[in-house]
């Protein structure tokens, strides 16, 4: 015998924990039908807030990878490879796509530029075996260069 759930049960906080996809579909349906009284607002608000955090984390991660490979490209010219260039292009594309989709991320990127550079230097040191003093304390690249499709340091 099949039991049907009431809308409250169908989108209870428990559904969020047990079947995330079903929770999303139910929430979308409730919003489309303007059935606001049944929406699991607590989890919906958390999810929307987390979406912004994920966008910022993804942007930061991709930006660090671009900086890392630009540093490796500049300070280990004997090891340059298509793989490094491909990584620069791919992660640069991801950063630029994120900025195109959400222009409000640009001030955030400018804000975290130096922090990302510091992280990229630490990783470059670890990956190349070069001493930390090899890399400038301040980023040798401008933001516009880092984001430019055709920029590779000498």
N, C-alpha and C. Protein backbone atom coordinates (compact mmCIF):
# COMPACT_ATOMS: atom_id res chain seq x y z
N UNK A 1 0.83 -1.16 0.00
CA UNK A 1 0.00 0.00 0.00
C UNK A 1 0.89 1.24 0.00
N UNK A 2 0.64 2.15 -0.91
CA UNK A 2 1.44 3.35 -1.07
C UNK A 2 0.89 4.45 -0.18
N UNK A 3 1.80 5.12 0.51
CA UNK A 3 1.37 6.24 1.33
C UNK A 3 1.90 7.51 0.70
N UNK A 4 1.07 8.51 0.66
CA UNK A 4 1.54 9.77 0.11
C UNK A 4 1.88 10.70 1.26
N UNK A 5 2.87 11.53 1.00
CA UNK A 5 3.30 12.47 2.02
C UNK A 5 2.56 13.78 1.82
N UNK A 6 2.30 14.44 2.91
CA UNK A 6 1.75 15.78 2.82
C UNK A 6 2.86 16.70 2.33
N UNK A 7 2.53 17.88 1.80
CA UNK A 7 3.59 18.79 1.36
C UNK A 7 4.58 19.13 2.46
N UNK A 8 4.10 19.23 3.69
CA UNK A 8 5.01 19.53 4.79
C UNK A 8 6.01 18.39 4.94
N UNK A 9 5.53 17.15 4.89
CA UNK A 9 6.43 16.01 5.01
C UNK A 9 7.34 15.92 3.79
N UNK A 10 6.79 16.25 2.61
CA UNK A 10 7.56 16.13 1.38
C UNK A 10 8.76 17.07 1.37
N UNK A 11 8.66 18.18 2.07
CA UNK A 11 9.79 19.11 2.08
C UNK A 11 10.18 19.47 3.51
N UNK A 12 10.17 18.50 4.34
CA UNK A 12 10.60 18.72 5.72
C UNK A 12 12.12 18.79 5.75
N UNK A 13 12.67 19.35 6.82
CA UNK A 13 14.12 19.36 6.97
C UNK A 13 14.72 17.95 6.88
N UNK A 14 13.93 16.94 7.25
CA UNK A 14 14.43 15.57 7.17
C UNK A 14 14.67 15.18 5.71
N UNK A 15 13.79 15.61 4.79
CA UNK A 15 13.98 15.30 3.37
C UNK A 15 15.30 15.89 2.88
N UNK A 16 15.63 17.07 3.33
CA UNK A 16 16.89 17.71 2.98
C UNK A 16 18.07 16.81 3.34
N UNK A 17 17.97 16.14 4.47
CA UNK A 17 19.05 15.28 4.94
C UNK A 17 19.05 13.90 4.30
N UNK A 18 17.89 13.43 3.84
CA UNK A 18 17.81 12.06 3.33
C UNK A 18 17.79 11.96 1.81
N UNK A 19 17.29 13.00 1.11
CA UNK A 19 17.24 12.96 -0.35
C UNK A 19 17.34 14.38 -0.89
N UNK A 20 18.57 14.83 -1.03
CA UNK A 20 18.86 16.21 -1.40
C UNK A 20 18.20 16.59 -2.73
N UNK A 21 18.33 15.73 -3.74
CA UNK A 21 17.75 16.03 -5.04
C UNK A 21 16.23 16.17 -4.94
N UNK A 22 15.59 15.29 -4.22
CA UNK A 22 14.14 15.38 -4.04
C UNK A 22 13.77 16.66 -3.30
N UNK A 23 14.59 17.03 -2.33
CA UNK A 23 14.35 18.27 -1.60
C UNK A 23 14.41 19.46 -2.55
N UNK A 24 15.42 19.50 -3.43
CA UNK A 24 15.54 20.58 -4.42
C UNK A 24 14.31 20.62 -5.32
N UNK A 25 13.94 19.47 -5.87
CA UNK A 25 12.79 19.42 -6.78
C UNK A 25 11.51 19.86 -6.09
N UNK A 26 11.32 19.42 -4.87
CA UNK A 26 10.14 19.81 -4.10
C UNK A 26 10.15 21.31 -3.82
N UNK A 27 11.30 21.83 -3.43
CA UNK A 27 11.41 23.25 -3.15
C UNK A 27 11.12 24.09 -4.39
N UNK A 28 11.66 23.70 -5.52
CA UNK A 28 11.41 24.42 -6.78
C UNK A 28 9.92 24.39 -7.10
N UNK A 29 9.32 23.23 -6.98
CA UNK A 29 7.89 23.11 -7.26
C UNK A 29 7.07 24.00 -6.32
N UNK A 30 7.40 23.99 -5.06
CA UNK A 30 6.68 24.82 -4.09
C UNK A 30 6.83 26.31 -4.41
N UNK A 31 8.02 26.71 -4.80
CA UNK A 31 8.24 28.12 -5.16
C UNK A 31 7.49 28.48 -6.43
N UNK A 32 7.51 27.59 -7.43
CA UNK A 32 6.79 27.86 -8.67
C UNK A 32 5.29 27.98 -8.43
N UNK A 33 4.79 27.18 -7.51
CA UNK A 33 3.36 27.21 -7.19
C UNK A 33 3.03 28.28 -6.14
N UNK A 34 4.05 29.01 -5.73
CA UNK A 34 3.89 30.04 -4.70
C UNK A 34 3.31 29.48 -3.40
N UNK A 35 3.70 28.25 -3.11
CA UNK A 35 3.27 27.58 -1.88
C UNK A 35 4.31 27.86 -0.80
N UNK A 36 4.46 29.14 -0.47
CA UNK A 36 5.53 29.58 0.41
C UNK A 36 5.43 29.03 1.82
N UNK A 37 4.26 28.72 2.27
CA UNK A 37 4.09 28.22 3.63
C UNK A 37 4.75 26.86 3.82
N UNK A 38 4.92 26.10 2.73
CA UNK A 38 5.48 24.75 2.83
C UNK A 38 6.98 24.69 2.56
N UNK A 39 7.56 25.79 2.14
CA UNK A 39 8.99 25.80 1.80
C UNK A 39 9.83 25.63 3.06
N UNK A 40 10.86 24.81 2.95
CA UNK A 40 11.84 24.60 4.02
C UNK A 40 12.82 25.78 3.97
N UNK A 41 12.40 26.90 4.55
CA UNK A 41 13.14 28.14 4.43
C UNK A 41 14.52 28.08 5.07
N UNK A 42 14.66 27.43 6.17
CA UNK A 42 15.95 27.38 6.87
C UNK A 42 17.02 26.78 5.97
N UNK A 43 16.72 25.63 5.39
CA UNK A 43 17.72 24.97 4.53
C UNK A 43 17.87 25.70 3.20
N UNK A 44 16.80 26.28 2.69
CA UNK A 44 16.89 27.03 1.44
C UNK A 44 17.80 28.24 1.60
N UNK A 45 17.65 28.96 2.67
CA UNK A 45 18.51 30.12 2.93
C UNK A 45 19.96 29.69 3.10
N UNK A 46 20.18 28.60 3.82
CA UNK A 46 21.55 28.08 3.97
C UNK A 46 22.15 27.71 2.62
N UNK A 47 21.37 27.06 1.78
CA UNK A 47 21.85 26.66 0.46
C UNK A 47 22.21 27.86 -0.40
N UNK A 48 21.39 28.88 -0.37
CA UNK A 48 21.67 30.07 -1.18
C UNK A 48 22.95 30.75 -0.67
N UNK A 49 23.10 30.85 0.63
CA UNK A 49 24.32 31.43 1.20
C UNK A 49 25.54 30.60 0.81
N UNK A 50 25.41 29.28 0.86
CA UNK A 50 26.52 28.40 0.49
C UNK A 50 26.88 28.53 -0.98
N UNK A 51 25.91 28.80 -1.82
CA UNK A 51 26.18 28.98 -3.26
C UNK A 51 27.19 30.11 -3.47
N UNK A 52 27.00 31.20 -2.76
CA UNK A 52 27.93 32.32 -2.87
C UNK A 52 29.32 31.95 -2.38
N UNK A 53 29.37 31.22 -1.28
CA UNK A 53 30.66 30.79 -0.74
C UNK A 53 31.38 29.87 -1.72
N UNK A 54 30.62 28.94 -2.34
CA UNK A 54 31.23 28.02 -3.30
C UNK A 54 31.76 28.77 -4.51
N UNK A 55 31.03 29.77 -4.98
CA UNK A 55 31.50 30.57 -6.12
C UNK A 55 32.82 31.26 -5.78
N UNK A 56 32.90 31.84 -4.60
CA UNK A 56 34.13 32.53 -4.19
C UNK A 56 35.29 31.55 -4.01
N UNK A 57 35.01 30.38 -3.40
CA UNK A 57 36.08 29.37 -3.22
C UNK A 57 36.59 28.88 -4.56
N UNK A 58 35.68 28.64 -5.49
CA UNK A 58 36.07 28.15 -6.82
C UNK A 58 36.91 29.20 -7.55
N UNK A 59 36.48 30.45 -7.50
CA UNK A 59 37.23 31.52 -8.13
C UNK A 59 38.64 31.59 -7.54
N UNK A 60 38.72 31.57 -6.23
CA UNK A 60 40.02 31.65 -5.55
C UNK A 60 40.92 30.47 -5.93
N UNK A 61 40.39 29.29 -5.92
CA UNK A 61 41.16 28.09 -6.25
C UNK A 61 41.69 28.15 -7.68
N UNK A 62 40.84 28.52 -8.62
CA UNK A 62 41.27 28.60 -10.02
C UNK A 62 42.30 29.71 -10.22
N UNK A 63 42.13 30.81 -9.51
CA UNK A 63 43.06 31.93 -9.63
C UNK A 63 44.44 31.54 -9.10
N UNK A 64 44.47 30.82 -7.99
CA UNK A 64 45.74 30.35 -7.43
C UNK A 64 46.46 29.44 -8.43
N UNK A 65 45.72 28.57 -9.10
CA UNK A 65 46.33 27.67 -10.09
C UNK A 65 46.94 28.48 -11.23
N UNK A 66 46.24 29.50 -11.70
CA UNK A 66 46.80 30.35 -12.77
C UNK A 66 48.10 30.98 -12.29
N UNK A 67 48.07 31.59 -11.12
CA UNK A 67 49.28 32.23 -10.59
C UNK A 67 50.42 31.22 -10.41
N UNK A 68 50.09 30.06 -9.89
CA UNK A 68 51.09 29.00 -9.68
C UNK A 68 51.80 28.67 -10.99
N UNK A 69 51.02 28.42 -12.03
CA UNK A 69 51.63 28.01 -13.29
C UNK A 69 52.34 29.17 -13.99
N UNK A 70 51.88 30.40 -13.78
CA UNK A 70 52.61 31.54 -14.32
C UNK A 70 53.97 31.66 -13.64
N UNK A 71 54.01 31.43 -12.33
CA UNK A 71 55.28 31.45 -11.61
C UNK A 71 56.21 30.35 -12.09
N UNK A 72 55.67 29.16 -12.21
CA UNK A 72 56.49 28.04 -12.68
C UNK A 72 57.00 28.33 -14.10
N UNK A 73 56.15 28.89 -14.93
CA UNK A 73 56.51 29.22 -16.31
C UNK A 73 57.68 30.22 -16.32
N UNK A 74 57.60 31.23 -15.46
CA UNK A 74 58.63 32.27 -15.43
C UNK A 74 59.92 31.80 -14.78
N UNK A 75 59.81 31.05 -13.68
CA UNK A 75 61.01 30.74 -12.90
C UNK A 75 61.58 29.35 -13.14
N UNK A 76 60.93 28.57 -13.98
CA UNK A 76 61.48 27.28 -14.40
C UNK A 76 61.30 27.14 -15.91
N UNK A 77 61.90 28.05 -16.68
CA UNK A 77 61.68 28.03 -18.14
C UNK A 77 62.12 26.72 -18.80
N UNK A 78 63.09 26.05 -18.20
CA UNK A 78 63.57 24.78 -18.78
C UNK A 78 62.54 23.66 -18.64
N UNK A 79 61.54 23.86 -17.81
CA UNK A 79 60.51 22.83 -17.59
C UNK A 79 59.17 23.17 -18.25
N UNK A 80 59.13 24.24 -19.01
CA UNK A 80 57.87 24.65 -19.63
C UNK A 80 57.31 23.50 -20.46
N UNK A 81 56.00 23.38 -20.39
CA UNK A 81 55.35 22.29 -21.13
C UNK A 81 53.97 22.72 -21.59
N UNK A 82 53.46 21.96 -22.52
CA UNK A 82 52.09 22.19 -22.98
C UNK A 82 51.10 21.98 -21.85
N UNK A 83 51.45 21.11 -20.92
CA UNK A 83 50.57 20.85 -19.79
C UNK A 83 50.43 22.11 -18.92
N UNK A 84 51.54 22.79 -18.66
CA UNK A 84 51.48 24.02 -17.87
C UNK A 84 50.66 25.07 -18.61
N UNK A 85 50.95 25.23 -19.89
CA UNK A 85 50.21 26.24 -20.67
C UNK A 85 48.73 25.89 -20.72
N UNK A 86 48.44 24.61 -20.90
CA UNK A 86 47.04 24.17 -20.91
C UNK A 86 46.35 24.45 -19.60
N UNK A 87 47.05 24.24 -18.50
CA UNK A 87 46.48 24.51 -17.18
C UNK A 87 46.22 26.00 -17.01
N UNK A 88 47.16 26.83 -17.45
CA UNK A 88 46.97 28.28 -17.38
C UNK A 88 45.72 28.67 -18.16
N UNK A 89 45.61 28.17 -19.38
CA UNK A 89 44.45 28.51 -20.22
C UNK A 89 43.14 28.03 -19.61
N UNK A 90 43.11 26.81 -19.11
CA UNK A 90 41.89 26.23 -18.55
C UNK A 90 41.43 26.98 -17.30
N UNK A 91 42.35 27.21 -16.38
CA UNK A 91 41.96 27.86 -15.12
C UNK A 91 41.70 29.36 -15.33
N UNK A 92 42.41 29.96 -16.26
CA UNK A 92 42.13 31.35 -16.61
C UNK A 92 40.73 31.46 -17.20
N UNK A 93 40.37 30.51 -18.04
CA UNK A 93 39.02 30.50 -18.63
C UNK A 93 37.97 30.38 -17.53
N UNK A 94 38.22 29.51 -16.56
CA UNK A 94 37.27 29.35 -15.45
C UNK A 94 37.10 30.64 -14.67
N UNK A 95 38.22 31.32 -14.40
CA UNK A 95 38.16 32.60 -13.68
C UNK A 95 37.38 33.63 -14.50
N UNK A 96 37.73 33.74 -15.77
CA UNK A 96 37.04 34.72 -16.63
C UNK A 96 35.56 34.39 -16.80
N UNK A 97 35.22 33.11 -16.90
CA UNK A 97 33.80 32.72 -16.99
C UNK A 97 33.06 33.11 -15.72
N UNK A 98 33.68 32.87 -14.57
CA UNK A 98 33.04 33.23 -13.30
C UNK A 98 32.83 34.74 -13.22
N UNK A 99 33.81 35.51 -13.67
CA UNK A 99 33.68 36.97 -13.65
C UNK A 99 32.62 37.45 -14.63
N UNK A 100 32.50 36.77 -15.77
CA UNK A 100 31.47 37.13 -16.74
C UNK A 100 30.08 36.81 -16.20
N UNK A 101 29.95 35.66 -15.54
CA UNK A 101 28.66 35.26 -14.97
C UNK A 101 28.28 36.12 -13.77
N UNK A 102 29.28 36.51 -12.99
CA UNK A 102 29.03 37.27 -11.76
C UNK A 102 30.05 38.40 -11.64
N UNK A 103 29.81 39.51 -12.34
CA UNK A 103 30.76 40.63 -12.29
C UNK A 103 31.04 41.13 -10.88
N UNK A 104 30.12 40.88 -9.96
CA UNK A 104 30.34 41.32 -8.57
C UNK A 104 31.49 40.57 -7.90
N UNK A 105 32.01 39.52 -8.54
CA UNK A 105 33.16 38.80 -7.99
C UNK A 105 34.48 39.55 -8.22
N UNK A 106 34.50 40.50 -9.15
CA UNK A 106 35.76 41.19 -9.47
C UNK A 106 36.34 41.92 -8.25
N UNK A 107 35.55 42.68 -7.48
CA UNK A 107 36.13 43.31 -6.29
C UNK A 107 36.68 42.27 -5.29
N UNK A 108 36.02 41.14 -5.18
CA UNK A 108 36.50 40.06 -4.31
C UNK A 108 37.85 39.56 -4.81
N UNK A 109 37.98 39.38 -6.12
CA UNK A 109 39.24 38.90 -6.70
C UNK A 109 40.36 39.91 -6.44
N UNK A 110 40.05 41.18 -6.60
CA UNK A 110 41.06 42.22 -6.31
C UNK A 110 41.45 42.19 -4.83
N UNK A 111 40.48 41.94 -3.97
CA UNK A 111 40.72 41.89 -2.53
C UNK A 111 41.62 40.72 -2.13
N UNK A 112 41.47 39.58 -2.79
CA UNK A 112 42.23 38.39 -2.41
C UNK A 112 43.47 38.16 -3.27
N UNK A 113 43.76 39.08 -4.18
CA UNK A 113 44.87 38.92 -5.12
C UNK A 113 46.17 38.57 -4.40
N UNK A 114 46.57 39.38 -3.42
CA UNK A 114 47.85 39.14 -2.73
C UNK A 114 47.83 37.84 -1.94
N UNK A 115 46.70 37.53 -1.31
CA UNK A 115 46.59 36.26 -0.57
C UNK A 115 46.75 35.08 -1.53
N UNK A 116 46.14 35.17 -2.69
CA UNK A 116 46.26 34.10 -3.69
C UNK A 116 47.70 33.98 -4.17
N UNK A 117 48.35 35.12 -4.37
CA UNK A 117 49.74 35.10 -4.79
C UNK A 117 50.61 34.41 -3.74
N UNK A 118 50.40 34.73 -2.48
CA UNK A 118 51.16 34.10 -1.39
C UNK A 118 50.97 32.58 -1.40
N UNK A 119 49.75 32.14 -1.59
CA UNK A 119 49.46 30.70 -1.66
C UNK A 119 50.12 30.07 -2.88
N UNK A 120 50.09 30.77 -4.01
CA UNK A 120 50.71 30.25 -5.23
C UNK A 120 52.22 30.13 -5.06
N UNK A 121 52.84 31.09 -4.39
CA UNK A 121 54.29 31.03 -4.14
C UNK A 121 54.63 29.83 -3.28
N UNK A 122 53.87 29.61 -2.23
CA UNK A 122 54.13 28.45 -1.37
C UNK A 122 54.04 27.15 -2.16
N UNK A 123 53.04 27.06 -3.00
CA UNK A 123 52.88 25.84 -3.79
C UNK A 123 53.97 25.73 -4.85
N UNK A 124 54.34 26.85 -5.46
CA UNK A 124 55.41 26.83 -6.46
C UNK A 124 56.72 26.37 -5.84
N UNK A 125 57.00 26.85 -4.65
CA UNK A 125 58.21 26.42 -3.94
C UNK A 125 58.18 24.91 -3.73
N UNK A 126 57.03 24.41 -3.28
CA UNK A 126 56.91 22.97 -3.02
C UNK A 126 57.04 22.15 -4.30
N UNK A 127 56.44 22.62 -5.38
CA UNK A 127 56.44 21.84 -6.62
C UNK A 127 57.74 21.94 -7.40
N UNK A 128 58.43 23.08 -7.29
CA UNK A 128 59.65 23.26 -8.08
C UNK A 128 60.92 22.92 -7.32
N UNK A 129 60.85 22.98 -6.00
CA UNK A 129 62.06 22.79 -5.19
C UNK A 129 62.94 24.02 -5.16
N UNK A 130 62.49 25.11 -5.78
CA UNK A 130 63.25 26.35 -5.76
C UNK A 130 63.11 27.01 -4.39
N UNK A 131 64.13 27.73 -3.95
CA UNK A 131 64.02 28.41 -2.66
C UNK A 131 62.96 29.51 -2.71
N UNK A 132 62.37 29.79 -1.58
CA UNK A 132 61.31 30.79 -1.48
C UNK A 132 61.79 32.15 -1.99
N UNK A 133 63.07 32.46 -1.76
CA UNK A 133 63.59 33.77 -2.17
C UNK A 133 63.64 33.93 -3.69
N UNK A 134 63.45 32.85 -4.44
CA UNK A 134 63.40 32.91 -5.89
C UNK A 134 62.24 33.78 -6.36
N UNK A 135 61.16 33.71 -5.61
CA UNK A 135 59.92 34.36 -6.03
C UNK A 135 59.79 35.73 -5.36
N UNK A 136 59.39 36.74 -6.11
CA UNK A 136 59.22 38.08 -5.53
C UNK A 136 58.17 38.08 -4.42
N UNK A 137 58.37 38.95 -3.43
CA UNK A 137 57.39 39.07 -2.35
C UNK A 137 56.07 39.62 -2.87
N UNK A 138 56.15 40.55 -3.80
CA UNK A 138 54.96 41.12 -4.42
C UNK A 138 54.76 40.46 -5.78
N UNK A 139 53.53 40.25 -6.15
CA UNK A 139 53.23 39.59 -7.42
C UNK A 139 53.82 40.39 -8.59
N UNK A 140 54.58 39.74 -9.45
CA UNK A 140 55.18 40.44 -10.59
C UNK A 140 54.20 40.66 -11.74
N UNK A 141 53.00 40.15 -11.61
CA UNK A 141 52.00 40.26 -12.67
C UNK A 141 50.86 41.17 -12.23
N UNK A 142 50.34 41.91 -13.18
CA UNK A 142 49.14 42.71 -12.94
C UNK A 142 47.93 41.80 -13.11
N UNK A 143 46.83 42.15 -12.44
CA UNK A 143 45.61 41.36 -12.57
C UNK A 143 45.19 41.24 -14.02
N UNK A 144 45.29 42.31 -14.78
CA UNK A 144 44.89 42.26 -16.19
C UNK A 144 45.74 41.27 -16.97
N UNK A 145 47.03 41.17 -16.62
CA UNK A 145 47.90 40.20 -17.29
C UNK A 145 47.49 38.77 -16.93
N UNK A 146 47.24 38.53 -15.65
CA UNK A 146 46.89 37.19 -15.20
C UNK A 146 45.63 36.70 -15.91
N UNK A 147 44.71 37.62 -16.18
CA UNK A 147 43.44 37.24 -16.81
C UNK A 147 43.48 37.27 -18.34
N UNK A 148 44.53 37.84 -18.93
CA UNK A 148 44.61 37.98 -20.39
C UNK A 148 44.94 36.65 -21.06
N UNK A 149 44.16 36.30 -22.06
CA UNK A 149 44.32 35.02 -22.76
C UNK A 149 45.71 34.80 -23.34
N UNK A 150 46.35 35.86 -23.76
CA UNK A 150 47.63 35.70 -24.48
C UNK A 150 48.86 36.00 -23.62
N UNK A 151 48.68 36.21 -22.32
CA UNK A 151 49.83 36.55 -21.48
C UNK A 151 50.52 35.31 -20.95
N UNK A 152 51.83 35.25 -21.21
CA UNK A 152 52.74 34.31 -20.56
C UNK A 152 54.01 35.09 -20.25
N UNK A 153 54.53 35.00 -19.04
CA UNK A 153 55.74 35.75 -18.71
C UNK A 153 56.94 35.23 -19.50
N UNK A 154 57.93 36.08 -19.61
CA UNK A 154 59.16 35.71 -20.35
C UNK A 154 59.92 34.63 -19.63
